[in-house]
């Protein structure tokens, strides 16, 4: 299988995929540059695949890279990269989290329950990865693994970047009763239950925070003028 590495240059991170007569898949537009004898191929979608893409708003154009050499994925971001190693299991990824993977990993769409899709901020459809091989994902900050054993994880926000597919995902009120909801300051929360692993990014990357704190007020000031 291909080798995926996180490399850092001047505080910016990229993914370097090293291929030795191998094939990998990536999100459309994820490649930064490459070297070596590597061919890129993007297959035309089937009619069913095109219709599914229109419904789910999932990209159907995920090119493959075949050959020997190095492919760099980015462009560099201030967030963090993590590699999941799948052994026949399936994971649900947050929007924009998928970067690239071994060809043995199938990339598709997962439909959330109606209420969860409408109220959670995750949308009705998320990316599903399943099979055998490595999957590289990106997150706005360092990832923490939360292992549930017949337990419940309550998240106020959508910083749960990835979860194992067999876990139950839903949306509930944070407290019982309308009075509790009003007085607690907490409204709806995302609830993940069962036995399995969840990857969360509760704290954004320090560089990302600095950019937000600097650029945000600047843009707001420009709009006000």
Protein backbone atom coordinates (compact mmCIF):
# COMPACT_ATOMS: atom_id res chain seq x y z
CA UNK A 1 0.00 0.00 0.00
CA UNK A 2 1.02 3.63 -0.48
CA UNK A 3 2.67 5.54 2.34
CA UNK A 4 1.03 8.72 3.65
CA UNK A 5 3.09 11.20 5.69
CA UNK A 6 2.37 14.59 7.23
CA UNK A 7 5.13 17.05 6.37
CA UNK A 8 5.51 20.56 7.76
CA UNK A 9 7.14 23.58 6.15
CA UNK A 10 7.21 26.94 7.90
CA UNK A 11 4.30 25.95 10.11
CA UNK A 12 2.15 24.76 7.18
CA UNK A 13 1.26 21.10 6.74
CA UNK A 14 0.77 18.92 3.69
CA UNK A 15 0.32 15.23 2.96
CA UNK A 16 2.99 13.38 0.99
CA UNK A 17 1.78 10.14 -0.58
CA UNK A 18 4.58 7.86 -1.79
CA UNK A 19 3.54 5.38 -4.48
CA UNK A 20 5.49 2.35 -5.70
CA UNK A 21 3.53 1.14 -8.71
CA UNK A 22 0.34 1.72 -6.70
CA UNK A 23 -2.97 3.55 -6.96
CA UNK A 24 -4.58 5.99 -4.55
CA UNK A 25 -7.74 8.10 -4.61
CA UNK A 26 -8.18 11.73 -3.54
CA UNK A 27 -10.76 14.46 -3.19
CA UNK A 28 -11.17 16.56 -6.31
CA UNK A 29 -8.78 19.52 -6.26
CA UNK A 30 -6.80 18.21 -3.29
CA UNK A 31 -3.52 17.72 -5.16
CA UNK A 32 -0.88 20.43 -4.64
CA UNK A 33 1.88 18.99 -6.84
CA UNK A 34 3.52 15.67 -7.70
CA UNK A 35 6.73 14.17 -9.04
CA UNK A 36 7.52 10.89 -10.75
CA UNK A 37 5.75 8.78 -13.34
CA UNK A 38 2.20 9.03 -12.11
CA UNK A 39 -0.97 9.06 -14.21
CA UNK A 40 -4.16 10.81 -13.11
CA UNK A 41 -7.51 9.36 -14.15
CA UNK A 42 -11.02 10.60 -13.48
CA UNK A 43 -13.76 8.26 -14.61
CA UNK A 44 -17.03 9.59 -15.96
CA UNK A 45 -19.89 8.94 -13.52
CA UNK A 46 -22.77 6.61 -14.24
CA UNK A 47 -26.27 8.04 -14.54
CA UNK A 48 -27.05 6.67 -11.09
CA UNK A 49 -23.87 8.17 -9.67
CA UNK A 50 -24.68 11.56 -11.16
CA UNK A 51 -28.20 11.52 -9.72
CA UNK A 52 -26.86 10.48 -6.31
CA UNK A 53 -24.36 13.32 -6.40
CA UNK A 54 -27.12 15.85 -7.12
CA UNK A 55 -29.15 14.58 -4.16
CA UNK A 56 -26.31 14.24 -1.67
CA UNK A 57 -24.17 17.17 -2.90
CA UNK A 58 -21.23 14.78 -2.63
CA UNK A 59 -18.44 15.07 -5.19
CA UNK A 60 -18.42 12.22 -7.71
CA UNK A 61 -15.17 13.30 -9.30
CA UNK A 62 -12.48 11.78 -7.10
CA UNK A 63 -9.42 11.21 -9.30
CA UNK A 64 -7.06 8.27 -8.95
CA UNK A 65 -3.27 8.49 -9.09
CA UNK A 66 -1.37 5.46 -10.42
CA UNK A 67 2.36 4.90 -10.78
CA UNK A 68 5.60 5.47 -8.92
CA UNK A 69 6.52 8.76 -7.29
CA UNK A 70 5.21 11.28 -4.79
CA UNK A 71 1.94 13.21 -4.66
CA UNK A 72 1.54 16.19 -2.34
CA UNK A 73 -1.92 17.10 -1.16
CA UNK A 74 -2.96 20.44 0.24
CA UNK A 75 -2.80 23.24 -0.37
CA UNK A 76 -1.22 23.75 3.03
CA UNK A 77 -3.75 24.41 5.78
CA UNK A 78 -3.46 25.57 9.36
CA UNK A 79 -5.41 22.56 10.54
CA UNK A 80 -4.28 19.02 11.37
CA UNK A 81 -4.06 15.81 9.36
CA UNK A 82 -4.74 12.32 10.71
CA UNK A 83 -4.56 8.88 9.11
CA UNK A 84 -7.22 6.24 9.75
CA UNK A 85 -6.23 2.64 9.03
CA UNK A 86 -9.31 0.67 8.03
CA UNK A 87 -9.49 -3.11 8.33
CA UNK A 88 -12.89 -3.72 6.80
CA UNK A 89 -14.65 -1.22 9.07
CA UNK A 90 -16.55 1.94 8.10
CA UNK A 91 -16.33 5.55 9.30
CA UNK A 92 -18.53 8.61 8.84
CA UNK A 93 -16.59 11.82 8.16
CA UNK A 94 -17.52 15.46 8.61
CA UNK A 95 -17.92 17.63 5.51
CA UNK A 96 -14.57 18.45 3.93
CA UNK A 97 -12.65 16.03 6.17
CA UNK A 98 -11.74 13.50 3.46
CA UNK A 99 -8.42 14.16 1.69
CA UNK A 100 -7.12 10.93 0.12
CA UNK A 101 -6.97 7.18 0.63
CA UNK A 102 -5.72 3.82 -0.62
CA UNK A 103 -7.62 2.44 -3.60
CA UNK A 104 -8.96 -0.36 -1.39
CA UNK A 105 -11.10 2.17 0.48
CA UNK A 106 -14.56 2.87 -0.93
CA UNK A 107 -15.70 6.50 -0.61
CA UNK A 108 -19.42 7.14 -0.65
CA UNK A 109 -22.27 8.95 1.09
CA UNK A 110 -24.06 8.31 4.38
CA UNK A 111 -27.59 9.56 5.00
CA UNK A 112 -28.32 10.83 8.50
CA UNK A 113 -31.71 10.55 10.14
CA UNK A 114 -34.10 13.31 9.06
CA UNK A 115 -34.02 15.31 12.31
CA UNK A 116 -30.28 14.81 12.79
CA UNK A 117 -29.57 15.98 9.26
CA UNK A 118 -31.81 19.02 9.59
CA UNK A 119 -30.80 20.24 13.05
CA UNK A 120 -27.25 18.98 13.69
CA UNK A 121 -25.36 21.21 11.28
CA UNK A 122 -23.87 18.09 9.68
CA UNK A 123 -26.46 17.98 6.88
CA UNK A 124 -28.52 15.08 5.61
CA UNK A 125 -25.50 13.44 3.96
CA UNK A 126 -21.93 12.93 5.12
CA UNK A 127 -18.95 11.10 3.62
CA UNK A 128 -18.62 7.39 4.34
CA UNK A 129 -15.31 5.52 3.97
CA UNK A 130 -15.18 1.74 4.14
CA UNK A 131 -12.82 -1.09 3.26
CA UNK A 132 -9.14 -1.82 3.73
CA UNK A 133 -6.32 0.70 3.73
CA UNK A 134 -5.36 4.17 4.94
CA UNK A 135 -7.60 7.23 4.85
CA UNK A 136 -6.20 10.73 5.42
CA UNK A 137 -8.58 13.23 6.99
CA UNK A 138 -8.20 16.89 7.92
CA UNK A 139 -9.60 18.76 10.91
CA UNK A 140 -9.53 22.36 12.17
CA UNK A 141 -7.43 21.34 15.18
CA UNK A 142 -5.74 18.44 16.98
CA UNK A 143 -7.89 15.34 17.14
CA UNK A 144 -8.79 13.53 20.34
CA UNK A 145 -10.03 9.93 20.31
CA UNK A 146 -13.06 9.20 22.48
CA UNK A 147 -13.69 5.48 22.98
CA UNK A 148 -17.26 4.67 23.96
CA UNK A 149 -18.25 1.40 25.62
CA UNK A 150 -22.05 1.32 25.67
CA UNK A 151 -21.81 5.02 26.47
CA UNK A 152 -22.97 8.41 25.23
CA UNK A 153 -21.05 11.41 23.90
CA UNK A 154 -22.84 14.77 23.82
CA UNK A 155 -21.33 17.45 21.59
CA UNK A 156 -22.48 21.08 21.53
CA UNK A 157 -21.42 21.92 17.98
CA UNK A 158 -20.12 19.99 14.99
CA UNK A 159 -16.50 19.37 16.00
CA UNK A 160 -16.96 15.59 15.93
CA UNK A 161 -14.84 15.05 12.81
CA UNK A 162 -15.23 11.29 12.42
CA UNK A 163 -17.14 8.43 14.01
CA UNK A 164 -17.41 4.72 13.40
CA UNK A 165 -20.45 4.03 11.24
CA UNK A 166 -22.17 1.61 13.61
CA UNK A 167 -22.53 4.28 16.31
CA UNK A 168 -25.95 5.91 16.64
CA UNK A 169 -26.06 9.64 15.78
CA UNK A 170 -28.98 11.86 16.72
CA UNK A 171 -29.99 15.35 17.86
CA UNK A 172 -31.69 16.07 21.18
CA UNK A 173 -32.46 18.91 23.53
CA UNK A 174 -29.67 19.43 26.04
CA UNK A 175 -32.07 19.43 29.00
CA UNK A 176 -35.49 18.06 29.83
CA UNK A 177 -38.32 20.53 29.49
CA UNK A 178 -38.53 23.96 27.88
CA UNK A 179 -37.61 25.80 31.09
CA UNK A 180 -34.37 23.87 31.41
CA UNK A 181 -33.50 24.61 27.79
CA UNK A 182 -34.07 28.34 28.28
CA UNK A 183 -32.27 28.71 31.61
CA UNK A 184 -29.29 26.47 30.80
CA UNK A 185 -28.28 28.40 27.72
CA UNK A 186 -27.99 25.09 25.85
CA UNK A 187 -30.33 24.23 23.00
CA UNK A 188 -29.96 21.24 20.73
CA UNK A 189 -26.90 18.99 20.99
CA UNK A 190 -25.46 16.20 18.86
CA UNK A 191 -25.58 12.82 20.60
CA UNK A 192 -23.45 9.82 19.66
CA UNK A 193 -24.19 6.52 21.41
CA UNK A 194 -23.00 2.94 21.45
CA UNK A 195 -19.64 1.19 21.51
CA UNK A 196 -16.95 2.52 19.22
CA UNK A 197 -14.57 5.40 18.55
CA UNK A 198 -15.22 9.08 17.83
CA UNK A 199 -12.59 11.62 16.77
CA UNK A 200 -13.24 15.16 17.95
CA UNK A 201 -11.39 18.46 17.45
CA UNK A 202 -12.59 20.56 20.40
CA UNK A 203 -9.79 23.13 20.16
CA UNK A 204 -8.82 24.72 16.82
CA UNK A 205 -5.23 24.88 15.64
CA UNK A 206 -3.47 27.90 17.19
CA UNK A 207 -2.61 29.34 13.78
CA UNK A 208 -6.20 28.97 12.63
CA UNK A 209 -7.37 30.82 15.75
CA UNK A 210 -4.91 33.64 15.15
CA UNK A 211 -6.01 34.02 11.53
CA UNK A 212 -9.68 34.08 12.56
CA UNK A 213 -9.02 36.68 15.25
CA UNK A 214 -7.10 38.90 12.85
CA UNK A 215 -8.92 38.44 9.57
CA UNK A 216 -12.44 38.29 11.04
CA UNK A 217 -12.46 41.80 12.59
CA UNK A 218 -10.64 43.19 9.52
CA UNK A 219 -13.29 41.86 7.13
CA UNK A 220 -16.10 43.02 9.41
CA UNK A 221 -14.59 46.50 9.47
CA UNK A 222 -14.28 46.54 5.68
CA UNK A 223 -17.91 45.50 5.25
CA UNK A 224 -19.05 48.17 7.72
CA UNK A 225 -17.30 50.85 5.66
